[in-house]
Amino acid sequence: MLRPWRVLSTYGLDALIVLAAVWSAVGTALRQDRYLPIGIMLWVEVVAIAVLVLLLLLRRRFPFGVPAVLWLVSATLSFVDGRLITSQPGVFVAGLGSALLLGSLRSDVQSRVGLAIVLGGAAIVVYSDPTHEVGNLVFTPIQFALGWLVGYALRERTERTEIAEERAAQAVRDQETAARIAVAEERGRIARELHDVVAHAVSVMVLQVGAVRHRMPVSDAEDREALRKVEAVGRTALAEMRRLLGAMRRDDEHPELVPHPGLGELDQLLDQVRAAGLNVRLQIHGEPVELPPGLDLSAYRIVQEALTNTLKHAHTARAEIELRYSPHDLRVEVRDDGSGPSTGDRPGHGLVGIRERVKVYGGDMSTSSGTNGGFVLRARLPLDGDRT
């Protein structure tokens, strides 16, 4: 079904043009008026009228030249035979189509020149017809001018449609760019936090190695020297880590002077959220275990970002948090009974941050509508290095 329709939409108008050319040629050959030429001149007119209409087959390649030439040739042929053009309805339709094509041209100059050609050509053709009436000198050009106006209106509509489509495409590109920037910024933030965690761990290791080295007896010179080298390498790594952290921070960002939070500080976060007007209930399932510092920080940030999104977008006063500990993973679920996910809004940076944090630890994240409405966020963070 689709292929015949595609062929018809592509070649249907060309087929009508060929049909109009044949119709005009046959009509010219069968004319019965007293102005009909005889002999070879008749067949010249038959061929000329067919070629005149068939010119429209080249309209895509010469959008201005073909309709303009059709009108100029029509005016010229009317001098040879005044009834040749006006006697054929197919030529009238071809002229009307040419006027529409000239009106739809993107160039204002070409379009206005085309209008002048249409009006002048129509007036000449009507005047050359020996049977014309005075009123035809006015009304016939007006008919073709109306065809030109239809083409002009279609051009305006097409341009508005194209502008709207371009704006929509630009909005999509801007949204994609904003999303990429948000992901890059969030990855930078995660990297700075994890570098802070690693730098703290390295610092502790260096201090412990130094303490062990100082407590070792002098007689263990070889072991003391090995520990001294380990301590030196650790201090060098720590210095490089601090320089890297300084390079990663933005100009307006200052070093954090307090330890990064974890799930142990979740109660303070919930108190702050409740003070902002959101009633939050926390449920913990399973036996809580000590989490690696980076993962502990990421779990805290996931809950923090989810509650922030609830405060900003859910338009509700209640939310629930579930933490499920298992030997292999930690599952975080935050749900509310608000307005649910909106398909009309652009995704916020909060969900981008949560997705990136989950990705760092090989976990997975999902969002959905609740069974009774609202919004549900689920995240899984592996605890044993399982990245499947």
Foldseek 3Di string as FASTA:
>chain_A
DVVVVVCCVVCVVVVVLQVLLVQLLVCLLPDDDPLRDDDPVSNVLSVVSSVLSNLCVCCVVPVLVSLLVSLVVLLVVCQVGLVSQVVRVSNVVSNLVSLLSLLQDPDPVSSVVSLVSLLVSQLSSQVSNPPHDPVSSPVVSVSSPVSSVNSNVVNVVVVVVVVVVVVVVVVVVVLVVVLVVLLVVLVLVLVLLVLVLVLVVLVVVLVVLVVVLVPDDVVPVVVSVVSVVVSVVSVVVSVVSVVVSVVSDDPPDDDDPDRQDFVVCVVVLQVVLVVVQAAEEEEEADDDDDARPSLRNLVSLLVNLVSVCCSPPFPDRYKYWYWYDDPWKIKIKIWDAGQEDDPPDRDDSSVSSNQVSLVVQLKDKDKDADPNGTIMIMIIGTRPSDND
